[in-house]
Amino acid sequence: MVERGHKQLKDALVKMCGENGGKWKKYLPLVTLADGISTKRTTGFSPFHLQFGQLLVLPIDIETKIFLAVEWHKISTTEELLEARAKQSEGKEEM
C-alpha cells in the first residue's frame, strides 16, 4: 500500500522539475526534507518535530532571511507548501 503522502511528494516534484522530468533525482532530497519539516494537519506537528522533539533550525536559517522570502499567505495546498520549502532549500544550496 502506498502512503497517501506520496501523491503530494510526486506533485511537488512535478512542480519543481517543470518541463524537465529528468531532474526529479536532484529535487527528491529537497522535497522529502520539505515534507519532513512541514507541519501536518492531522498531528499539528512536523514529522521531524515528532521524532526529535524540536523544530529543525539549520545554521543558515540564523544567518539569512530565507524564511521571509516566501509569501506564506499565498500557500493553500500541501503541494504549494512542499514546493516553497524545497525552493527554500534550493536557495540555501546556492548561497
PDB file of N, CA and C in Angstrom:
ATOM      1  N   MET A   1       0.840  -1.173   0.000  1.00  0.00           N
ATOM      2  CA  MET A   1       0.000   0.000   0.000  1.00  0.00           C
ATOM      3  C   MET A   1       0.896   1.250   0.000  1.00  0.00           C
ATOM      4  N   VAL A   2       0.558   2.188  -0.830  1.00  0.00           N
ATOM      5  CA  VAL A   2       1.318   3.431  -0.933  1.00  0.00           C
ATOM      6  C   VAL A   2       0.709   4.459   0.015  1.00  0.00           C
ATOM      7  N   GLU A   3       1.564   5.157   0.725  1.00  0.00           N
ATOM      8  CA  GLU A   3       1.074   6.198   1.629  1.00  0.00           C
ATOM      9  C   GLU A   3       0.420   7.320   0.832  1.00  0.00           C
ATOM     10  N   ARG A   4      -0.616   7.918   1.410  1.00  0.00           N
ATOM     11  CA  ARG A   4      -1.295   8.995   0.693  1.00  0.00           C
ATOM     12  C   ARG A   4      -0.392  10.209   0.532  1.00  0.00           C
ATOM     13  N   GLY A   5       0.603  10.349   1.401  1.00  0.00           N
ATOM     14  CA  GLY A   5       1.531  11.468   1.290  1.00  0.00           C
ATOM     15  C   GLY A   5       2.413  11.412   0.059  1.00  0.00           C
ATOM     16  N   HIS A   6       2.524  10.244  -0.540  1.00  0.00           N
ATOM     17  CA  HIS A   6       3.363  10.119  -1.732  1.00  0.00           C
ATOM     18  C   HIS A   6       2.815  10.941  -2.891  1.00  0.00           C
ATOM     19  N   LYS A   7       1.498  11.099  -2.963  1.00  0.00           N
ATOM     20  CA  LYS A   7       0.917  11.906  -4.036  1.00  0.00           C
ATOM     21  C   LYS A   7       1.400  13.348  -3.932  1.00  0.00           C
ATOM     22  N   GLN A   8       1.422  13.888  -2.718  1.00  0.00           N
ATOM     23  CA  GLN A   8       1.899  15.262  -2.549  1.00  0.00           C
ATOM     24  C   GLN A   8       3.376  15.377  -2.913  1.00  0.00           C
ATOM     25  N   LEU A   9       4.163  14.367  -2.557  1.00  0.00           N
ATOM     26  CA  LEU A   9       5.582  14.385  -2.917  1.00  0.00           C
ATOM     27  C   LEU A   9       5.740  14.367  -4.432  1.00  0.00           C
ATOM     28  N   LYS A  10       4.982  13.502  -5.088  1.00  0.00           N
ATOM     29  CA  LYS A  10       5.054  13.419  -6.547  1.00  0.00           C
ATOM     30  C   LYS A  10       4.638  14.741  -7.183  1.00  0.00           C
ATOM     31  N   ASP A  11       3.537  15.312  -6.708  1.00  0.00           N
ATOM     32  CA  ASP A  11       3.057  16.577  -7.266  1.00  0.00           C
ATOM     33  C   ASP A  11       4.077  17.701  -7.068  1.00  0.00           C
ATOM     34  N   ALA A  12       4.727  17.727  -5.902  1.00  0.00           N
ATOM     35  CA  ALA A  12       5.754  18.743  -5.652  1.00  0.00           C
ATOM     36  C   ALA A  12       6.944  18.540  -6.583  1.00  0.00           C
ATOM     37  N   LEU A  13       7.330  17.284  -6.810  1.00  0.00           N
ATOM     38  CA  LEU A  13       8.436  17.001  -7.732  1.00  0.00           C
ATOM     39  C   LEU A  13       8.090  17.454  -9.143  1.00  0.00           C
ATOM     40  N   VAL A  14       6.864  17.217  -9.568  1.00  0.00           N
ATOM     41  CA  VAL A  14       6.430  17.649 -10.897  1.00  0.00           C
ATOM     42  C   VAL A  14       6.543  19.167 -11.012  1.00  0.00           C
ATOM     43  N   LYS A  15       6.113  19.888  -9.973  1.00  0.00           N
ATOM     44  CA  LYS A  15       6.212  21.353  -9.995  1.00  0.00           C
ATOM     45  C   LYS A  15       7.666  21.816 -10.022  1.00  0.00           C
ATOM     46  N   MET A  16       8.506  21.181  -9.226  1.00  0.00           N
ATOM     47  CA  MET A  16       9.914  21.584  -9.164  1.00  0.00           C
ATOM     48  C   MET A  16      10.629  21.317 -10.483  1.00  0.00           C
ATOM     49  N   CYS A  17      10.312  20.206 -11.128  1.00  0.00           N
ATOM     50  CA  CYS A  17      11.002  19.813 -12.358  1.00  0.00           C
ATOM     51  C   CYS A  17      10.524  20.596 -13.569  1.00  0.00           C
ATOM     52  N   GLY A  18       9.304  21.078 -13.528  1.00  0.00           N
ATOM     53  CA  GLY A  18       8.774  21.802 -14.675  1.00  0.00           C
ATOM     54  C   GLY A  18       8.736  20.913 -15.903  1.00  0.00           C
ATOM     55  N   GLU A  19       9.316  21.396 -16.981  1.00  0.00           N
ATOM     56  CA  GLU A  19       9.315  20.662 -18.247  1.00  0.00           C
ATOM     57  C   GLU A  19      10.351  19.546 -18.291  1.00  0.00           C
ATOM     58  N   ASN A  20      11.310  19.568 -17.381  1.00  0.00           N
ATOM     59  CA  ASN A  20      12.390  18.584 -17.405  1.00  0.00           C
ATOM     60  C   ASN A  20      12.194  17.551 -16.293  1.00  0.00           C
ATOM     61  N   GLY A  21      11.377  16.537 -16.567  1.00  0.00           N
ATOM     62  CA  GLY A  21      11.087  15.498 -15.588  1.00  0.00           C
ATOM     63  C   GLY A  21      12.299  14.704 -15.155  1.00  0.00           C
ATOM     64  N   GLY A  22      13.367  14.778 -15.922  1.00  0.00           N
ATOM     65  CA  GLY A  22      14.583  14.048 -15.582  1.00  0.00           C
ATOM     66  C   GLY A  22      15.323  14.616 -14.379  1.00  0.00           C
ATOM     67  N   LYS A  23      14.923  15.788 -13.913  1.00  0.00           N
ATOM     68  CA  LYS A  23      15.591  16.415 -12.765  1.00  0.00           C
ATOM     69  C   LYS A  23      15.063  15.921 -11.422  1.00  0.00           C
ATOM     70  N   TRP A  24      14.137  14.962 -11.428  1.00  0.00           N
ATOM     71  CA  TRP A  24      13.500  14.542 -10.180  1.00  0.00           C
ATOM     72  C   TRP A  24      14.507  14.065  -9.148  1.00  0.00           C
ATOM     73  N   LYS A  25      15.600  13.448  -9.585  1.00  0.00           N
ATOM     74  CA  LYS A  25      16.607  12.956  -8.635  1.00  0.00           C
ATOM     75  C   LYS A  25      17.273  14.118  -7.896  1.00  0.00           C
ATOM     76  N   LYS A  26      17.417  15.243  -8.572  1.00  0.00           N
ATOM     77  CA  LYS A  26      18.015  16.425  -7.949  1.00  0.00           C
ATOM     78  C   LYS A  26      17.099  16.981  -6.854  1.00  0.00           C
ATOM     79  N   TYR A  27      15.802  16.981  -7.128  1.00  0.00           N
ATOM     80  CA  TYR A  27      14.851  17.618  -6.224  1.00  0.00           C
ATOM     81  C   TYR A  27      14.287  16.694  -5.150  1.00  0.00           C
ATOM     82  N   LEU A  28      14.417  15.380  -5.295  1.00  0.00           N
ATOM     83  CA  LEU A  28      13.842  14.454  -4.321  1.00  0.00           C
ATOM     84  C   LEU A  28      14.320  14.714  -2.892  1.00  0.00           C
ATOM     85  N   PRO A  29      15.631  14.885  -2.645  1.00  0.00           N
ATOM     86  CA  PRO A  29      16.058  15.169  -1.265  1.00  0.00           C
ATOM     87  C   PRO A  29      15.471  16.479  -0.723  1.00  0.00           C
ATOM     88  N   LEU A  30      15.344  17.481  -1.576  1.00  0.00           N
ATOM     89  CA  LEU A  30      14.794  18.768  -1.140  1.00  0.00           C
ATOM     90  C   LEU A  30      13.314  18.647  -0.795  1.00  0.00           C
ATOM     91  N   VAL A  31      12.581  17.913  -1.629  1.00  0.00           N
ATOM     92  CA  VAL A  31      11.148  17.750  -1.398  1.00  0.00           C
ATOM     93  C   VAL A  31      10.894  16.890  -0.164  1.00  0.00           C
ATOM     94  N   THR A  32      11.683  15.832   0.025  1.00  0.00           N
ATOM     95  CA  THR A  32      11.476  14.991   1.211  1.00  0.00           C
ATOM     96  C   THR A  32      11.869  15.739   2.491  1.00  0.00           C
ATOM     97  N   LEU A  33      12.902  16.561   2.425  1.00  0.00           N
ATOM     98  CA  LEU A  33      13.243  17.399   3.580  1.00  0.00           C
ATOM     99  C   LEU A  33      12.104  18.373   3.866  1.00  0.00           C
ATOM    100  N   ALA A  34      11.607  19.012   2.806  1.00  0.00           N
ATOM    101  CA  ALA A  34      10.499  19.956   2.970  1.00  0.00           C
ATOM    102  C   ALA A  34       9.295  19.275   3.605  1.00  0.00           C
ATOM    103  N   ASP A  35       9.011  18.059   3.179  1.00  0.00           N
ATOM    104  CA  ASP A  35       7.890  17.316   3.750  1.00  0.00           C
ATOM    105  C   ASP A  35       8.149  16.979   5.216  1.00  0.00           C
ATOM    106  N   GLY A  36       9.356  16.602   5.519  1.00  0.00           N
ATOM    107  CA  GLY A  36       9.698  16.195   6.880  1.00  0.00           C
ATOM    108  C   GLY A  36       9.680  17.318   7.902  1.00  0.00           C
ATOM    109  N   ILE A  37       9.840  18.550   7.441  1.00  0.00           N
ATOM    110  CA  ILE A  37       9.851  19.680   8.373  1.00  0.00           C
ATOM    111  C   ILE A  37       8.570  20.509   8.297  1.00  0.00           C
ATOM    112  N   SER A  38       7.608  20.034   7.507  1.00  0.00           N
ATOM    113  CA  SER A  38       6.336  20.742   7.359  1.00  0.00           C
ATOM    114  C   SER A  38       5.307  20.198   8.344  1.00  0.00           C
ATOM    115  N   THR A  39       4.583  21.104   8.972  1.00  0.00           N
ATOM    116  CA  THR A  39       3.554  20.721   9.937  1.00  0.00           C
ATOM    117  C   THR A  39       2.422  19.988   9.231  1.00  0.00           C
ATOM    118  N   LYS A  40       2.011  18.875   9.818  1.00  0.00           N
ATOM    119  CA  LYS A  40       0.919  18.073   9.260  1.00  0.00           C
ATOM    120  C   LYS A  40      -0.385  18.445   9.948  1.00  0.00           C
ATOM    121  N   ARG A  41      -1.430  18.561   9.164  1.00  0.00           N
ATOM    122  CA  ARG A  41      -2.742  18.939   9.683  1.00  0.00           C
ATOM    123  C   ARG A  41      -3.250  17.924  10.707  1.00  0.00           C
ATOM    124  N   THR A  42      -2.988  16.647  10.480  1.00  0.00           N
ATOM    125  CA  THR A  42      -3.528  15.605  11.356  1.00  0.00           C
ATOM    126  C   THR A  42      -2.916  15.608  12.751  1.00  0.00           C
ATOM    127  N   THR A  43      -1.632  15.989  12.857  1.00  0.00           N
ATOM    128  CA  THR A  43      -0.955  15.955  14.157  1.00  0.00           C
ATOM    129  C   THR A  43      -0.690  17.335  14.735  1.00  0.00           C
ATOM    130  N   GLY A  44      -0.595  18.337  13.850  1.00  0.00           N
ATOM    131  CA  GLY A  44      -0.225  19.674  14.298  1.00  0.00           C
ATOM    132  C   GLY A  44       1.277  19.835  14.473  1.00  0.00           C
ATOM    133  N   PHE A  45       2.034  18.818  14.088  1.00  0.00           N
ATOM    134  CA  PHE A  45       3.495  18.837  14.193  1.00  0.00           C
ATOM    135  C   PHE A  45       4.113  18.314  12.902  1.00  0.00           C
ATOM    136  N   SER A  46       5.377  18.657  12.687  1.00  0.00           N
ATOM    137  CA  SER A  46       6.109  18.076  11.561  1.00  0.00           C
ATOM    138  C   SER A  46       6.631  16.702  11.979  1.00  0.00           C
ATOM    139  N   PRO A  47       6.881  15.809  11.007  1.00  0.00           N
ATOM    140  CA  PRO A  47       7.491  14.523  11.352  1.00  0.00           C
ATOM    141  C   PRO A  47       8.824  14.702  12.087  1.00  0.00           C
ATOM    142  N   PHE A  48       9.612  15.694  11.687  1.00  0.00           N
ATOM    143  CA  PHE A  48      10.882  15.961  12.360  1.00  0.00           C
ATOM    144  C   PHE A  48      10.641  16.293  13.826  1.00  0.00           C
ATOM    145  N   HIS A  49       9.669  17.158  14.079  1.00  0.00           N
ATOM    146  CA  HIS A  49       9.362  17.570  15.453  1.00  0.00           C
ATOM    147  C   HIS A  49       8.897  16.375  16.286  1.00  0.00           C
ATOM    148  N   LEU A  50       8.076  15.518  15.710  1.00  0.00           N
ATOM    149  CA  LEU A  50       7.604  14.338  16.437  1.00  0.00           C
ATOM    150  C   LEU A  50       8.748  13.378  16.749  1.00  0.00           C
ATOM    151  N   GLN A  51       9.683  13.251  15.818  1.00  0.00           N
ATOM    152  CA  GLN A  51      10.791  12.317  16.021  1.00  0.00           C
ATOM    153  C   GLN A  51      11.831  12.850  17.003  1.00  0.00           C
ATOM    154  N   PHE A  52      12.147  14.139  16.905  1.00  0.00           N
ATOM    155  CA  PHE A  52      13.242  14.692  17.696  1.00  0.00           C
ATOM    156  C   PHE A  52      12.804  15.632  18.820  1.00  0.00           C
ATOM    157  N   GLY A  53      11.519  15.965  18.868  1.00  0.00           N
ATOM    158  CA  GLY A  53      11.007  16.798  19.945  1.00  0.00           C
ATOM    159  C   GLY A  53      11.350  18.270  19.837  1.00  0.00           C
ATOM    160  N   GLN A  54      11.755  18.712  18.659  1.00  0.00           N
ATOM    161  CA  GLN A  54      12.080  20.124  18.460  1.00  0.00           C
ATOM    162  C   GLN A  54      11.951  20.478  16.985  1.00  0.00           C
ATOM    163  N   LEU A  55      11.883  21.761  16.700  1.00  0.00           N
ATOM    164  CA  LEU A  55      11.849  22.223  15.321  1.00  0.00           C
ATOM    165  C   LEU A  55      13.240  22.149  14.725  1.00  0.00           C
ATOM    166  N   LEU A  56      13.306  21.954  13.425  1.00  0.00           N
ATOM    167  CA  LEU A  56      14.594  21.938  12.742  1.00  0.00           C
ATOM    168  C   LEU A  56      15.014  23.377  12.451  1.00  0.00           C
ATOM    169  N   VAL A  57      16.161  23.757  12.943  1.00  0.00           N
ATOM    170  CA  VAL A  57      16.741  25.060  12.640  1.00  0.00           C
ATOM    171  C   VAL A  57      18.123  24.799  12.063  1.00  0.00           C
ATOM    172  N   LEU A  58      18.280  25.168  10.810  1.00  0.00           N
ATOM    173  CA  LEU A  58      19.565  24.997  10.148  1.00  0.00           C
ATOM    174  C   LEU A  58      20.445  26.210  10.432  1.00  0.00           C
ATOM    175  N   PRO A  59      21.750  26.028  10.456  1.00  0.00           N
ATOM    176  CA  PRO A  59      22.640  27.173  10.700  1.00  0.00           C
ATOM    177  C   PRO A  59      22.393  28.328   9.736  1.00  0.00           C
ATOM    178  N   ILE A  60      22.083  27.997   8.509  1.00  0.00           N
ATOM    179  CA  ILE A  60      21.854  29.048   7.518  1.00  0.00           C
ATOM    180  C   ILE A  60      20.603  29.861   7.855  1.00  0.00           C
ATOM    181  N   ASP A  61      19.638  29.249   8.553  1.00  0.00           N
ATOM    182  CA  ASP A  61      18.434  29.977   8.956  1.00  0.00           C
ATOM    183  C   ASP A  61      18.771  31.135   9.880  1.00  0.00           C
ATOM    184  N   ILE A  62      19.792  30.968  10.667  1.00  0.00           N
ATOM    185  CA  ILE A  62      20.200  32.004  11.613  1.00  0.00           C
ATOM    186  C   ILE A  62      20.857  33.170  10.883  1.00  0.00           C
ATOM    187  N   GLU A  63      21.574  32.860   9.803  1.00  0.00           N
ATOM    188  CA  GLU A  63      22.336  33.879   9.088  1.00  0.00           C
ATOM    189  C   GLU A  63      21.552  34.579   7.989  1.00  0.00           C
ATOM    190  N   THR A  64      20.512  33.950   7.490  1.00  0.00           N
ATOM    191  CA  THR A  64      19.785  34.533   6.359  1.00  0.00           C
ATOM    192  C   THR A  64      18.323  34.736   6.699  1.00  0.00           C
ATOM    193  N   LYS A  65      17.651  35.365   5.808  1.00  0.00           N
ATOM    194  CA  LYS A  65      16.225  35.627   5.987  1.00  0.00           C
ATOM    195  C   LYS A  65      15.408  34.882   4.926  1.00  0.00           C
ATOM    196  N   ILE A  66      15.835  33.670   4.561  1.00  0.00           N
ATOM    197  CA  ILE A  66      15.154  32.908   3.522  1.00  0.00           C
ATOM    198  C   ILE A  66      13.695  32.669   3.883  1.00  0.00           C
ATOM    199  N   PHE A  67      13.409  32.432   5.140  1.00  0.00           N
ATOM    200  CA  PHE A  67      12.034  32.189   5.575  1.00  0.00           C
ATOM    201  C   PHE A  67      11.126  33.342   5.170  1.00  0.00           C
ATOM    202  N   LEU A  68      11.637  34.554   5.268  1.00  0.00           N
ATOM    203  CA  LEU A  68      10.831  35.735   4.970  1.00  0.00           C
ATOM    204  C   LEU A  68      10.620  35.944   3.477  1.00  0.00           C
ATOM    205  N   ALA A  69      11.400  35.257   2.639  1.00  0.00           N
ATOM    206  CA  ALA A  69      11.288  35.428   1.196  1.00  0.00           C
ATOM    207  C   ALA A  69      10.060  34.726   0.617  1.00  0.00           C
ATOM    208  N   VAL A  70       9.472  33.822   1.358  1.00  0.00           N
ATOM    209  CA  VAL A  70       8.302  33.080   0.882  1.00  0.00           C
ATOM    210  C   VAL A  70       7.030  33.825   1.267  1.00  0.00           C
ATOM    211  N   GLU A  71       6.118  33.925   0.320  1.00  0.00           N
ATOM    212  CA  GLU A  71       4.832  34.569   0.588  1.00  0.00           C
ATOM    213  C   GLU A  71       3.882  33.513   1.163  1.00  0.00           C
ATOM    214  N   TRP A  72       4.034  33.240   2.452  1.00  0.00           N
ATOM    215  CA  TRP A  72       3.307  32.154   3.110  1.00  0.00           C
ATOM    216  C   TRP A  72       1.797  32.314   3.018  1.00  0.00           C
ATOM    217  N   HIS A  73       1.305  33.538   2.988  1.00  0.00           N
ATOM    218  CA  HIS A  73      -0.141  33.758   2.938  1.00  0.00           C
ATOM    219  C   HIS A  73      -0.767  33.295   1.629  1.00  0.00           C
ATOM    220  N   LYS A  74       0.050  33.096   0.590  1.00  0.00           N
ATOM    221  CA  LYS A  74      -0.458  32.644  -0.705  1.00  0.00           C
ATOM    222  C   LYS A  74      -0.463  31.122  -0.832  1.00  0.00           C
ATOM    223  N   ILE A  75       0.068  30.426   0.150  1.00  0.00           N
ATOM    224  CA  ILE A  75       0.157  28.971   0.089  1.00  0.00           C
ATOM    225  C   ILE A  75      -1.102  28.375   0.694  1.00  0.00           C
ATOM    226  N   SER A  76      -1.797  27.554  -0.121  1.00  0.00           N
ATOM    227  CA  SER A  76      -3.058  26.992   0.366  1.00  0.00           C
ATOM    228  C   SER A  76      -3.144  25.474   0.244  1.00  0.00           C
ATOM    229  N   THR A  77      -2.177  24.848  -0.423  1.00  0.00           N
ATOM    230  CA  THR A  77      -2.211  23.391  -0.568  1.00  0.00           C
ATOM    231  C   THR A  77      -0.895  22.791  -0.085  1.00  0.00           C
ATOM    232  N   THR A  78      -0.937  21.501   0.180  1.00  0.00           N
ATOM    233  CA  THR A  78       0.282  20.803   0.596  1.00  0.00           C
ATOM    234  C   THR A  78       1.330  20.865  -0.502  1.00  0.00           C
ATOM    235  N   GLU A  79       0.892  20.722  -1.755  1.00  0.00           N
ATOM    236  CA  GLU A  79       1.832  20.771  -2.870  1.00  0.00           C
ATOM    237  C   GLU A  79       2.551  22.115  -2.928  1.00  0.00           C
ATOM    238  N   GLU A  80       1.802  23.207  -2.742  1.00  0.00           N
ATOM    239  CA  GLU A  80       2.406  24.540  -2.748  1.00  0.00           C
ATOM    240  C   GLU A  80       3.370  24.707  -1.577  1.00  0.00           C
ATOM    241  N   LEU A  81       3.017  24.152  -0.424  1.00  0.00           N
ATOM    242  CA  LEU A  81       3.892  24.229   0.745  1.00  0.00           C
ATOM    243  C   LEU A  81       5.188  23.475   0.494  1.00  0.00           C
ATOM    244  N   LEU A  82       5.083  22.262  -0.039  1.00  0.00           N
ATOM    245  CA  LEU A  82       6.287  21.475  -0.316  1.00  0.00           C
ATOM    246  C   LEU A  82       7.167  22.165  -1.349  1.00  0.00           C
ATOM    247  N   GLU A  83       6.538  22.754  -2.374  1.00  0.00           N
ATOM    248  CA  GLU A  83       7.308  23.470  -3.386  1.00  0.00           C
ATOM    249  C   GLU A  83       8.047  24.658  -2.759  1.00  0.00           C
ATOM    250  N   ALA A  84       7.372  25.422  -1.910  1.00  0.00           N
ATOM    251  CA  ALA A  84       8.003  26.579  -1.263  1.00  0.00           C
ATOM    252  C   ALA A  84       9.154  26.148  -0.371  1.00  0.00           C
ATOM    253  N   ARG A  85       8.959  25.086   0.417  1.00  0.00           N
ATOM    254  CA  ARG A  85      10.022  24.592   1.297  1.00  0.00           C
ATOM    255  C   ARG A  85      11.207  24.086   0.484  1.00  0.00           C
ATOM    256  N   ALA A  86      10.924  23.372  -0.608  1.00  0.00           N
ATOM    257  CA  ALA A  86      12.006  22.855  -1.445  1.00  0.00           C
ATOM    258  C   ALA A  86      12.780  24.003  -2.093  1.00  0.00           C
ATOM    259  N   LYS A  87      12.069  25.042  -2.518  1.00  0.00           N
ATOM    260  CA  LYS A  87      12.747  26.201  -3.107  1.00  0.00           C
ATOM    261  C   LYS A  87      13.602  26.916  -2.068  1.00  0.00           C
ATOM    262  N   GLN A  88      13.141  26.936  -0.812  1.00  0.00           N
ATOM    263  CA  GLN A  88      13.969  27.500   0.260  1.00  0.00           C
ATOM    264  C   GLN A  88      15.274  26.714   0.357  1.00  0.00           C
ATOM    265  N   SER A  89      15.170  25.398   0.370  1.00  0.00           N
ATOM    266  CA  SER A  89      16.360  24.548   0.476  1.00  0.00           C
ATOM    267  C   SER A  89      17.270  24.733  -0.719  1.00  0.00           C
ATOM    268  N   GLU A  90      16.678  24.866  -1.904  1.00  0.00           N
ATOM    269  CA  GLU A  90      17.464  25.085  -3.109  1.00  0.00           C
ATOM    270  C   GLU A  90      18.224  26.403  -3.000  1.00  0.00           C
ATOM    271  N   GLY A  91      17.573  27.433  -2.488  1.00  0.00           N
ATOM    272  CA  GLY A  91      18.226  28.730  -2.307  1.00  0.00           C
ATOM    273  C   GLY A  91      19.376  28.654  -1.333  1.00  0.00           C
ATOM    274  N   LYS A  92      19.261  27.818  -0.312  1.00  0.00           N
ATOM    275  CA  LYS A  92      20.329  27.653   0.670  1.00  0.00           C
ATOM    276  C   LYS A  92      21.564  27.041   0.029  1.00  0.00           C
ATOM    277  N   GLU A  93      21.355  26.113  -0.910  1.00  0.00           N
ATOM    278  CA  GLU A  93      22.488  25.471  -1.567  1.00  0.00           C
ATOM    279  C   GLU A  93      23.255  26.450  -2.446  1.00  0.00           C
ATOM    280  N   GLU A  94      22.552  27.436  -3.004  1.00  0.00           N
ATOM    281  CA  GLU A  94      23.186  28.388  -3.908  1.00  0.00           C
ATOM    282  C   GLU A  94      23.965  29.460  -3.169  1.00  0.00           C
ATOM    283  N   MET A  95      23.787  29.578  -1.869  1.00  0.00           N
ATOM    284  CA  MET A  95      24.447  30.635  -1.103  1.00  0.00           C
ATOM    285  C   MET A  95      25.865  30.262  -0.768  1.00  0.00           C
TER     286      MET A  95
END
